[in-house]
Amino acid sequence: MNDNDPSHDGERGPARAVAVQPEPAERKAAEPKSAALRQTQPNGALPRSLAGPLIARLAQPEVRQTLLKSGFVAALLVVGGLLVWLLTSLLAGATMQAANRPGAAAAVPSPGPPAASPRPSLPLASVSPLDFRVGDCLKDFDPEASKSTVVACTSDHSAQLVAVTHYADGDGYPGRDAMKTRAREMCQTAPLTAKSNAYNLNYRLAYPSTASWAKGDRRVDCYVTASGNILKASLLP
């Protein structure tokens, strides 16, 4: 698609091993009963008369430690559960308050490309370019003319207004090149349908001249045009 630029006014992201040491000979002689006692027990085990009470005493601290650990874990689970319940309750309450607050507005989706603006009755003759609406189809379109005829897009026409943007009222005159660049970018992002592939189309850019800017004109337009009234459908969604 080609672009041209006429204007309204003609100017847009390892476990340790424990070694068993042999008893010294003197100690064996001095303590025969003790040595014999040890030798009668397999693997150096204590006699049953001593082993039972000793094992029972040794086991008591382990039982206490196990109970203490179990109690500590249970307490942690209880505290953790309470914290989760508390946080859930607080969040639910805050959500309900926000939803019930007077004046709370629902999220507004971001606007998409401007849709075509149908007119109540067509055709309309002698319409000023400043009064054109996005989607208007124009018969016998002359970019230099001060007036044009808006027709139904199902009838023969030669142009369609596909995008419009405006400068702010307080902006200074940006210059012809800046406005042309803005208009061209707008044309390139216009949401044309697949029907546009059936035609040999050109872009037409329209933007204010210094004179029309001084009169309050802040409008930049993008048209698609064909050579003659050969378009028979809207090229916008």
Protein backbone atom coordinates (compact mmCIF):
# COMPACT_ATOMS: atom_id res chain seq x y z
CA MET A 1 0.00 0.00 0.00
CA ASN A 2 1.35 3.40 -0.85
CA ASP A 3 0.87 6.59 1.15
CA ASN A 4 0.28 10.10 0.03
CA ASP A 5 -0.20 13.20 2.12
CA PRO A 6 -2.73 15.80 1.13
CA SER A 7 -4.26 17.87 3.93
CA HIS A 8 -7.52 19.46 4.95
CA ASP A 9 -6.29 22.69 3.52
CA GLY A 10 -4.09 21.30 0.84
CA GLU A 11 -1.05 21.04 3.20
CA ARG A 12 -1.73 15.51 7.93
CA GLY A 13 10.23 -9.40 29.83
CA PRO A 14 31.32 -43.14 58.09
CA ALA A 15 29.99 -43.76 61.38
CA ARG A 16 32.93 -43.88 63.77
CA ALA A 17 34.19 -47.46 64.50
CA VAL A 18 34.84 -48.12 68.21
CA ALA A 19 37.83 -50.45 68.73
CA VAL A 20 37.72 -52.83 71.73
CA GLN A 21 41.04 -52.52 73.57
CA PRO A 22 42.53 -55.66 75.36
CA GLU A 23 42.71 -55.44 79.17
CA PRO A 24 46.22 -55.06 80.72
CA ALA A 25 47.63 -58.21 82.38
CA GLU A 26 47.94 -56.55 85.82
CA ARG A 27 44.35 -55.48 85.75
CA LYS A 28 43.28 -58.98 84.77
CA ALA A 29 45.19 -60.47 87.75
CA ALA A 30 43.85 -57.87 90.18
CA GLU A 31 40.30 -58.25 89.02
CA PRO A 32 39.79 -61.90 88.05
CA LYS A 33 36.09 -61.87 88.85
CA SER A 34 35.51 -58.86 86.78
CA ALA A 35 37.47 -60.23 83.82
CA ALA A 36 35.77 -63.61 84.09
CA LEU A 37 32.49 -61.81 84.29
CA ARG A 38 33.14 -60.00 81.07
CA GLN A 39 34.34 -63.17 79.30
CA THR A 40 31.15 -65.04 80.16
CA GLN A 41 29.02 -62.46 78.42
CA PRO A 42 28.88 -62.58 74.63
CA ASN A 43 30.40 -59.56 72.91
CA GLY A 44 31.34 -57.92 76.22
CA ALA A 45 27.68 -57.61 77.32
CA LEU A 46 26.76 -56.90 80.95
CA PRO A 47 25.05 -59.57 83.09
CA ARG A 48 21.32 -59.54 83.02
CA SER A 49 21.13 -58.40 86.67
CA LEU A 50 22.84 -55.15 85.69
CA ALA A 51 21.78 -54.74 82.10
CA GLY A 52 18.06 -54.36 82.74
CA PRO A 53 18.11 -51.39 85.16
CA LEU A 54 20.90 -49.67 83.26
CA ILE A 55 19.10 -49.96 79.94
CA ALA A 56 15.91 -48.72 81.55
CA ARG A 57 17.72 -45.65 82.91
CA LEU A 58 19.36 -44.96 79.58
CA ALA A 59 16.09 -45.30 77.73
CA GLN A 60 14.25 -42.76 79.91
CA PRO A 61 16.04 -39.66 78.56
CA GLU A 62 15.48 -40.87 75.00
CA VAL A 63 11.77 -41.28 75.66
CA ARG A 64 11.62 -37.80 77.19
CA GLN A 65 13.47 -36.30 74.25
CA THR A 66 11.16 -38.05 71.80
CA LEU A 67 8.11 -36.80 73.67
CA LEU A 68 9.51 -33.29 73.82
CA LYS A 69 10.24 -33.30 70.09
CA SER A 70 6.78 -34.65 69.28
CA GLY A 71 5.17 -32.02 71.46
CA PHE A 72 7.23 -29.26 69.89
CA VAL A 73 6.28 -30.39 66.37
CA ALA A 74 2.62 -30.60 67.33
CA ALA A 75 2.76 -27.11 68.79
CA LEU A 76 4.35 -25.77 65.62
CA LEU A 77 1.63 -27.37 63.51
CA VAL A 78 -1.09 -25.86 65.67
CA VAL A 79 0.49 -22.40 65.57
CA GLY A 80 1.04 -22.65 61.82
CA GLY A 81 -2.55 -23.65 61.25
CA LEU A 82 -3.79 -20.74 63.33
CA LEU A 83 -1.63 -18.31 61.37
CA VAL A 84 -2.92 -19.62 58.04
CA TRP A 85 -6.52 -19.35 59.25
CA LEU A 86 -5.92 -15.82 60.54
CA LEU A 87 -4.33 -14.63 57.29
CA THR A 88 -7.10 -16.21 55.23
CA SER A 89 -9.75 -14.52 57.35
CA LEU A 90 -8.06 -11.13 57.09
CA LEU A 91 -7.71 -11.36 53.32
CA ALA A 92 -11.31 -12.45 52.89
CA GLY A 93 -12.52 -9.57 55.05
CA ALA A 94 -10.46 -7.03 53.14
CA THR A 95 -11.80 -8.33 49.83
CA MET A 96 -15.41 -8.08 50.99
CA GLN A 97 -14.88 -4.55 52.30
CA ALA A 98 -13.40 -3.44 49.01
CA ALA A 99 -16.25 -5.00 47.06
CA ASN A 100 -18.91 -3.38 49.27
CA ARG A 101 -17.28 0.04 49.44
CA PRO A 102 -19.52 2.72 47.96
CA GLY A 103 -18.29 4.02 44.67
CA ALA A 104 -16.12 0.96 43.94
CA ALA A 105 -15.91 0.64 40.18
CA ALA A 106 -15.46 -2.51 38.14
CA ALA A 107 -12.27 -2.81 36.11
CA VAL A 108 -12.65 -1.19 32.73
CA PRO A 109 -11.00 -3.05 29.85
CA SER A 110 -8.52 -1.07 27.81
CA PRO A 111 -10.07 0.25 24.63
CA GLY A 112 -9.28 -1.46 21.36
CA PRO A 113 -9.10 0.13 17.93
CA PRO A 114 -11.99 2.50 17.22
CA ALA A 115 -14.90 0.74 15.57
CA ALA A 116 -16.76 2.06 12.58
CA SER A 117 -19.43 4.63 13.45
CA PRO A 118 -22.55 3.95 11.37
CA ARG A 119 -24.74 6.85 10.40
CA PRO A 120 -28.52 6.76 10.72
CA SER A 121 -29.33 7.53 7.10
CA LEU A 122 -27.25 7.53 3.94
CA PRO A 123 -26.19 8.97 1.62
CA LEU A 124 -25.16 12.31 3.11
CA ALA A 125 -23.93 14.98 0.76
CA SER A 126 -21.66 17.92 1.44
CA VAL A 127 -20.02 16.55 4.62
CA SER A 128 -16.92 18.41 5.86
CA PRO A 129 -13.73 16.35 6.42
CA LEU A 130 -13.73 17.59 10.04
CA ASP A 131 -17.11 15.84 10.43
CA PHE A 132 -16.05 12.51 8.92
CA ARG A 133 -16.39 9.50 11.27
CA VAL A 134 -14.16 6.42 11.42
CA GLY A 135 -15.68 3.92 9.01
CA ASP A 136 -17.28 6.47 6.68
CA CYS A 137 -17.22 5.39 3.05
CA LEU A 138 -16.88 8.21 0.55
CA LYS A 139 -18.05 8.37 -3.02
CA ASP A 140 -16.02 10.26 -5.61
CA PHE A 141 -13.49 11.11 -2.91
CA ASP A 142 -11.32 14.12 -3.61
CA PRO A 143 -8.72 14.78 -0.86
CA GLU A 144 -8.55 18.42 -1.92
CA ALA A 145 -12.29 19.02 -1.70
CA SER A 146 -13.84 20.84 1.23
CA LYS A 147 -16.94 18.60 1.12
CA SER A 148 -17.61 14.92 0.28
CA THR A 149 -20.53 12.51 0.00
CA VAL A 150 -20.79 9.77 2.65
CA VAL A 151 -22.49 6.62 1.35
CA ALA A 152 -23.33 3.12 2.60
CA CYS A 153 -20.21 0.95 2.42
CA THR A 154 -22.16 -1.68 0.51
CA SER A 155 -22.57 0.80 -2.34
CA ASP A 156 -19.90 1.91 -4.78
CA HIS A 157 -17.28 4.20 -3.22
CA SER A 158 -13.65 5.16 -3.68
CA ALA A 159 -12.37 5.78 -0.13
CA GLN A 160 -12.91 4.93 3.53
CA LEU A 161 -11.75 6.73 6.67
CA VAL A 162 -10.01 3.97 8.71
CA ALA A 163 -8.30 5.84 11.59
CA VAL A 164 -8.38 9.21 13.37
CA THR A 165 -6.28 10.76 16.15
CA HIS A 166 -6.16 14.22 17.71
CA TYR A 167 -3.53 16.49 19.16
CA ALA A 168 -4.36 18.19 22.48
CA ASP A 169 -5.83 21.65 22.31
CA GLY A 170 -2.87 23.12 24.23
CA ASP A 171 -0.22 21.62 21.95
CA GLY A 172 1.89 23.87 19.81
CA TYR A 173 1.91 23.35 16.08
CA PRO A 174 4.16 20.22 15.64
CA GLY A 175 5.08 20.84 12.04
CA ARG A 176 4.20 19.09 8.84
CA ASP A 177 6.79 16.28 9.05
CA ALA A 178 5.83 15.29 12.62
CA MET A 179 2.15 15.16 11.73
CA LYS A 180 2.85 13.18 8.57
CA THR A 181 4.86 10.62 10.60
CA ARG A 182 2.06 10.32 13.15
CA ALA A 183 -0.53 9.84 10.44
CA ARG A 184 1.57 7.21 8.63
CA GLU A 185 2.08 5.21 11.88
CA MET A 186 -1.65 5.34 12.50
CA CYS A 187 -2.38 4.08 8.98
CA GLN A 188 0.03 1.15 9.40
CA THR A 189 -1.79 -0.02 12.55
CA ALA A 190 -5.32 0.40 11.18
CA PRO A 191 -7.19 -2.96 11.56
CA LEU A 192 -8.12 -3.62 7.94
CA THR A 193 -9.95 -6.87 7.16
CA ALA A 194 -8.96 -9.52 4.60
CA LYS A 195 -11.30 -7.84 2.10
CA SER A 196 -8.68 -5.15 1.59
CA ASN A 197 -6.46 -7.73 -0.18
CA ALA A 198 -8.86 -7.75 -3.11
CA TYR A 199 -8.06 -4.15 -4.06
CA ASN A 200 -5.11 -2.06 -5.07
CA LEU A 201 -5.28 0.56 -2.33
CA ASN A 202 -3.37 3.65 -1.35
CA TYR A 203 -3.15 5.51 1.94
CA ARG A 204 -4.15 9.13 2.10
CA LEU A 205 -2.99 11.21 5.06
CA ALA A 206 -4.76 14.33 6.27
CA TYR A 207 -3.53 16.73 8.97
CA PRO A 208 -3.90 20.43 9.82
CA SER A 209 -2.20 23.25 8.04
CA THR A 210 -0.88 26.20 10.04
CA ALA A 211 -4.01 28.11 9.16
CA SER A 212 -6.49 25.40 10.22
CA TRP A 213 -4.41 24.74 13.37
CA ALA A 214 -4.86 28.36 14.33
CA LYS A 215 -8.60 27.84 13.99
CA GLY A 216 -8.58 24.83 16.38
CA ASP A 217 -8.07 21.94 13.96
CA ARG A 218 -6.14 19.16 15.84
CA ARG A 219 -7.32 16.19 13.79
CA VAL A 220 -5.13 13.69 11.89
CA ASP A 221 -6.86 11.28 9.49
CA CYS A 222 -5.96 8.13 7.56
CA TYR A 223 -7.94 7.05 4.51
CA VAL A 224 -7.61 4.07 2.19
CA THR A 225 -8.45 4.95 -1.38
CA ALA A 226 -8.93 3.21 -4.71
CA SER A 227 -8.89 4.56 -8.24
CA GLY A 228 -12.58 5.02 -8.81
CA ASN A 229 -15.74 3.90 -7.09
CA ILE A 230 -14.83 0.20 -7.11
CA LEU A 231 -15.02 -0.53 -3.37
CA LYS A 232 -18.23 -2.32 -2.38
CA ALA A 233 -17.68 -3.25 1.29
CA SER A 234 -16.29 -1.82 4.50
CA LEU A 235 -12.62 -2.64 5.01
CA LEU A 236 -12.87 -2.32 8.81
CA PRO A 237 -14.01 -5.09 11.23
